[in-house]
Amino acid sequence: MLPSYDRGQAHSHADLVLPTGLGHARNAVVVASADAVVAIGGEAGTLSEIGLARKLGRPVVALSGTGGVCDRIHEVLPDVDVVDGLDQLDEWLALELP
């Protein structure tokens, strides 16, 4: 989901591109349509998605070692799950999602 109407902003490997024109408000759409939120790196927008996911009761996990808020998430939200790699992420997803 892109914040603008410009499809050219999409990553070249994206299979599905949704230009929304919603700016930062797209974060609410992303989280509301998710079964779980996997946070990677990030800044203020990622932190807002984590917070909204928790408000909506969505499972949240942060991938450590990716920089940004994910490496410091326990400073603000000590009960957010953190995994150290893709194997741990797979295990977490298997536990959290049916």
N, C-alpha and C. Protein backbone atom coordinates (compact mmCIF):
# COMPACT_ATOMS: atom_id res chain seq x y z
N MET A 1 0.84 -1.17 0.00
CA MET A 1 0.00 0.00 0.00
C MET A 1 0.88 1.23 0.00
N LEU A 2 0.75 2.00 -1.04
CA LEU A 2 1.56 3.20 -1.17
C LEU A 2 0.84 4.41 -0.56
N PRO A 3 1.59 5.32 0.04
CA PRO A 3 0.97 6.51 0.61
C PRO A 3 0.48 7.49 -0.46
N SER A 4 1.02 7.39 -1.67
CA SER A 4 0.66 8.34 -2.73
C SER A 4 -0.15 7.62 -3.82
N TYR A 5 -0.44 8.36 -4.88
CA TYR A 5 -1.12 7.78 -6.04
C TYR A 5 -0.14 7.27 -7.08
N ASP A 6 1.15 7.41 -6.82
CA ASP A 6 2.20 7.11 -7.79
C ASP A 6 2.65 5.65 -7.71
N ARG A 7 2.24 4.83 -8.66
CA ARG A 7 2.65 3.42 -8.70
C ARG A 7 4.15 3.26 -8.82
N GLY A 8 4.83 4.27 -9.35
CA GLY A 8 6.27 4.23 -9.52
C GLY A 8 7.04 4.19 -8.20
N GLN A 9 6.38 4.47 -7.09
CA GLN A 9 7.02 4.41 -5.78
C GLN A 9 7.12 2.98 -5.24
N ALA A 10 6.48 2.05 -5.89
CA ALA A 10 6.47 0.66 -5.41
C ALA A 10 7.83 0.01 -5.62
N HIS A 11 8.16 -0.93 -4.75
CA HIS A 11 9.38 -1.72 -4.89
C HIS A 11 9.27 -2.54 -6.17
N SER A 12 10.36 -2.73 -6.86
CA SER A 12 10.34 -3.44 -8.14
C SER A 12 9.90 -4.90 -8.00
N HIS A 13 9.98 -5.48 -6.80
CA HIS A 13 9.58 -6.87 -6.59
C HIS A 13 8.16 -7.00 -6.04
N ALA A 14 7.44 -5.89 -5.91
CA ALA A 14 6.09 -5.93 -5.36
C ALA A 14 5.15 -6.63 -6.35
N ASP A 15 4.39 -7.60 -5.85
CA ASP A 15 3.43 -8.31 -6.69
C ASP A 15 2.10 -7.58 -6.78
N LEU A 16 1.73 -6.90 -5.72
CA LEU A 16 0.47 -6.18 -5.66
C LEU A 16 0.76 -4.77 -5.19
N VAL A 17 0.36 -3.79 -5.97
CA VAL A 17 0.62 -2.39 -5.64
C VAL A 17 -0.72 -1.67 -5.50
N LEU A 18 -0.93 -1.03 -4.35
CA LEU A 18 -2.16 -0.29 -4.11
C LEU A 18 -1.83 1.17 -3.84
N PRO A 19 -1.86 2.02 -4.85
CA PRO A 19 -1.63 3.44 -4.61
C PRO A 19 -2.88 4.04 -3.95
N THR A 20 -2.74 4.55 -2.73
CA THR A 20 -3.91 4.97 -1.96
C THR A 20 -4.14 6.48 -1.93
N GLY A 21 -3.08 7.26 -2.00
CA GLY A 21 -3.23 8.70 -1.83
C GLY A 21 -3.59 9.10 -0.42
N LEU A 22 -3.43 8.18 0.54
CA LEU A 22 -3.83 8.43 1.92
C LEU A 22 -2.72 8.97 2.79
N GLY A 23 -1.52 9.06 2.29
CA GLY A 23 -0.41 9.51 3.13
C GLY A 23 -0.23 8.58 4.32
N HIS A 24 0.02 9.16 5.48
CA HIS A 24 0.24 8.35 6.68
C HIS A 24 -1.03 7.65 7.16
N ALA A 25 -2.18 8.10 6.72
CA ALA A 25 -3.43 7.45 7.12
C ALA A 25 -3.51 6.02 6.60
N ARG A 26 -2.71 5.69 5.60
CA ARG A 26 -2.72 4.31 5.09
C ARG A 26 -2.30 3.32 6.16
N ASN A 27 -1.54 3.79 7.18
CA ASN A 27 -1.12 2.89 8.26
C ASN A 27 -2.32 2.22 8.91
N ALA A 28 -3.41 2.97 9.07
CA ALA A 28 -4.61 2.40 9.68
C ALA A 28 -5.21 1.31 8.79
N VAL A 29 -5.20 1.52 7.49
CA VAL A 29 -5.73 0.52 6.56
C VAL A 29 -4.86 -0.73 6.57
N VAL A 30 -3.55 -0.54 6.58
CA VAL A 30 -2.61 -1.67 6.60
C VAL A 30 -2.87 -2.53 7.84
N VAL A 31 -2.93 -1.90 9.00
CA VAL A 31 -3.08 -2.64 10.25
C VAL A 31 -4.47 -3.26 10.37
N ALA A 32 -5.50 -2.53 10.00
CA ALA A 32 -6.87 -3.05 10.12
C ALA A 32 -7.09 -4.27 9.23
N SER A 33 -6.36 -4.37 8.14
CA SER A 33 -6.54 -5.51 7.24
C SER A 33 -5.57 -6.66 7.51
N ALA A 34 -4.74 -6.51 8.54
CA ALA A 34 -3.72 -7.53 8.85
C ALA A 34 -4.22 -8.53 9.88
N ASP A 35 -3.75 -9.77 9.75
CA ASP A 35 -3.97 -10.78 10.79
C ASP A 35 -2.94 -10.63 11.90
N ALA A 36 -1.76 -10.15 11.54
CA ALA A 36 -0.67 -9.91 12.49
C ALA A 36 0.23 -8.84 11.87
N VAL A 37 1.03 -8.20 12.71
CA VAL A 37 1.96 -7.17 12.23
C VAL A 37 3.38 -7.60 12.53
N VAL A 38 4.20 -7.66 11.50
CA VAL A 38 5.63 -7.94 11.63
C VAL A 38 6.35 -6.63 11.33
N ALA A 39 6.99 -6.07 12.35
CA ALA A 39 7.68 -4.79 12.19
C ALA A 39 9.15 -5.03 11.89
N ILE A 40 9.64 -4.32 10.88
CA ILE A 40 11.04 -4.44 10.46
C ILE A 40 11.61 -3.04 10.36
N GLY A 41 12.65 -2.76 11.15
CA GLY A 41 13.27 -1.43 11.12
C GLY A 41 12.27 -0.37 11.52
N GLY A 42 12.17 0.65 10.70
CA GLY A 42 11.12 1.63 10.85
C GLY A 42 11.43 2.84 11.70
N GLU A 43 10.51 3.79 11.60
CA GLU A 43 10.59 5.03 12.36
C GLU A 43 9.21 5.31 12.95
N ALA A 44 8.79 6.55 12.95
CA ALA A 44 7.54 6.93 13.59
C ALA A 44 6.33 6.22 12.98
N GLY A 45 6.31 6.04 11.66
CA GLY A 45 5.18 5.36 11.03
C GLY A 45 5.05 3.92 11.48
N THR A 46 6.18 3.24 11.59
CA THR A 46 6.17 1.85 12.07
C THR A 46 5.69 1.79 13.51
N LEU A 47 6.15 2.74 14.32
CA LEU A 47 5.72 2.79 15.72
C LEU A 47 4.22 3.02 15.82
N SER A 48 3.67 3.87 14.95
CA SER A 48 2.22 4.11 14.97
C SER A 48 1.46 2.85 14.55
N GLU A 49 2.01 2.10 13.59
CA GLU A 49 1.36 0.84 13.19
C GLU A 49 1.39 -0.18 14.32
N ILE A 50 2.50 -0.24 15.04
CA ILE A 50 2.59 -1.16 16.19
C ILE A 50 1.55 -0.78 17.24
N GLY A 51 1.45 0.50 17.55
CA GLY A 51 0.48 0.96 18.54
C GLY A 51 -0.95 0.68 18.13
N LEU A 52 -1.28 0.95 16.88
CA LEU A 52 -2.63 0.69 16.40
C LEU A 52 -2.94 -0.81 16.39
N ALA A 53 -1.97 -1.61 16.00
CA ALA A 53 -2.17 -3.06 16.00
C ALA A 53 -2.49 -3.56 17.40
N ARG A 54 -1.80 -3.03 18.39
CA ARG A 54 -2.08 -3.43 19.78
C ARG A 54 -3.48 -3.00 20.19
N LYS A 55 -3.90 -1.79 19.78
CA LYS A 55 -5.25 -1.30 20.11
C LYS A 55 -6.32 -2.20 19.48
N LEU A 56 -6.03 -2.72 18.29
CA LEU A 56 -6.99 -3.57 17.58
C LEU A 56 -6.88 -5.04 17.95
N GLY A 57 -5.95 -5.36 18.84
CA GLY A 57 -5.79 -6.74 19.29
C GLY A 57 -5.06 -7.64 18.31
N ARG A 58 -4.31 -7.04 17.38
CA ARG A 58 -3.54 -7.84 16.44
C ARG A 58 -2.23 -8.27 17.08
N PRO A 59 -1.76 -9.48 16.85
CA PRO A 59 -0.45 -9.89 17.34
C PRO A 59 0.63 -9.04 16.66
N VAL A 60 1.65 -8.66 17.44
CA VAL A 60 2.74 -7.83 16.93
C VAL A 60 4.08 -8.46 17.29
N VAL A 61 4.99 -8.46 16.33
CA VAL A 61 6.35 -8.92 16.58
C VAL A 61 7.31 -7.98 15.87
N ALA A 62 8.45 -7.73 16.49
CA ALA A 62 9.49 -6.90 15.89
C ALA A 62 10.69 -7.77 15.56
N LEU A 63 11.28 -7.55 14.40
CA LEU A 63 12.48 -8.28 14.00
C LEU A 63 13.70 -7.47 14.42
N SER A 64 14.45 -8.00 15.38
CA SER A 64 15.60 -7.26 15.90
C SER A 64 16.74 -7.26 14.89
N GLY A 65 17.65 -6.31 15.07
CA GLY A 65 18.80 -6.22 14.19
C GLY A 65 18.50 -5.56 12.86
N THR A 66 17.30 -4.97 12.73
CA THR A 66 16.92 -4.33 11.48
C THR A 66 16.95 -2.81 11.57
N GLY A 67 17.39 -2.31 12.72
CA GLY A 67 17.50 -0.86 12.90
C GLY A 67 16.19 -0.23 13.33
N GLY A 68 16.22 1.09 13.39
CA GLY A 68 15.02 1.85 13.70
C GLY A 68 14.35 1.48 15.00
N VAL A 69 13.04 1.66 15.04
CA VAL A 69 12.29 1.44 16.28
C VAL A 69 12.31 -0.01 16.72
N CYS A 70 12.48 -0.94 15.79
CA CYS A 70 12.46 -2.35 16.16
C CYS A 70 13.61 -2.73 17.09
N ASP A 71 14.74 -2.06 16.95
CA ASP A 71 15.87 -2.36 17.83
C ASP A 71 15.73 -1.69 19.19
N ARG A 72 14.75 -0.79 19.33
CA ARG A 72 14.57 -0.09 20.60
C ARG A 72 13.15 -0.24 21.16
N ILE A 73 12.37 -1.15 20.60
CA ILE A 73 10.95 -1.25 20.94
C ILE A 73 10.72 -1.51 22.42
N HIS A 74 11.58 -2.27 23.06
CA HIS A 74 11.37 -2.58 24.48
C HIS A 74 11.56 -1.37 25.39
N GLU A 75 12.18 -0.30 24.89
CA GLU A 75 12.29 0.93 25.67
C GLU A 75 10.91 1.57 25.87
N VAL A 76 10.02 1.38 24.89
CA VAL A 76 8.71 2.01 24.95
C VAL A 76 7.59 1.01 25.23
N LEU A 77 7.70 -0.16 24.64
CA LEU A 77 6.67 -1.20 24.77
C LEU A 77 7.33 -2.52 25.14
N PRO A 78 7.59 -2.71 26.43
CA PRO A 78 8.36 -3.89 26.85
C PRO A 78 7.68 -5.23 26.60
N ASP A 79 6.37 -5.23 26.35
CA ASP A 79 5.68 -6.51 26.16
C ASP A 79 5.50 -6.90 24.69
N VAL A 80 6.06 -6.13 23.76
CA VAL A 80 6.01 -6.51 22.35
C VAL A 80 7.00 -7.65 22.12
N ASP A 81 6.56 -8.68 21.41
CA ASP A 81 7.45 -9.81 21.11
C ASP A 81 8.55 -9.36 20.15
N VAL A 82 9.75 -9.89 20.36
CA VAL A 82 10.89 -9.60 19.49
C VAL A 82 11.52 -10.92 19.10
N VAL A 83 11.83 -11.08 17.81
CA VAL A 83 12.52 -12.28 17.33
C VAL A 83 13.84 -11.86 16.71
N ASP A 84 14.78 -12.81 16.69
CA ASP A 84 16.14 -12.50 16.24
C ASP A 84 16.45 -12.98 14.83
N GLY A 85 15.52 -13.58 14.15
CA GLY A 85 15.80 -14.06 12.80
C GLY A 85 14.56 -14.67 12.17
N LEU A 86 14.70 -15.09 10.94
CA LEU A 86 13.55 -15.62 10.21
C LEU A 86 13.05 -16.94 10.75
N ASP A 87 13.94 -17.77 11.28
CA ASP A 87 13.49 -19.03 11.88
C ASP A 87 12.59 -18.76 13.08
N GLN A 88 13.01 -17.83 13.94
CA GLN A 88 12.19 -17.47 15.09
C GLN A 88 10.89 -16.81 14.65
N LEU A 89 10.95 -16.03 13.58
CA LEU A 89 9.73 -15.40 13.05
C LEU A 89 8.75 -16.47 12.57
N ASP A 90 9.24 -17.48 11.87
CA ASP A 90 8.37 -18.58 11.43
C ASP A 90 7.71 -19.27 12.62
N GLU A 91 8.48 -19.51 13.68
CA GLU A 91 7.93 -20.14 14.89
C GLU A 91 6.86 -19.25 15.51
N TRP A 92 7.14 -17.95 15.60
CA TRP A 92 6.19 -17.00 16.19
C TRP A 92 4.89 -16.99 15.38
N LEU A 93 5.01 -16.92 14.06
CA LEU A 93 3.82 -16.90 13.21
C LEU A 93 3.00 -18.18 13.37
N ALA A 94 3.67 -19.31 13.48
CA ALA A 94 2.96 -20.58 13.65
C ALA A 94 2.17 -20.61 14.95
N LEU A 95 2.69 -19.96 15.98
CA LEU A 95 2.00 -19.91 17.27
C LEU A 95 0.86 -18.90 17.28
N GLU A 96 1.04 -17.78 16.60
CA GLU A 96 0.08 -16.68 16.67
C GLU A 96 -1.07 -16.78 15.66
N LEU A 97 -0.82 -17.42 14.53
CA LEU A 97 -1.84 -17.47 13.48
C LEU A 97 -2.35 -18.89 13.29
N PRO A 98 -3.65 -19.02 13.13
CA PRO A 98 -4.21 -20.37 12.94
C PRO A 98 -3.82 -20.97 11.60
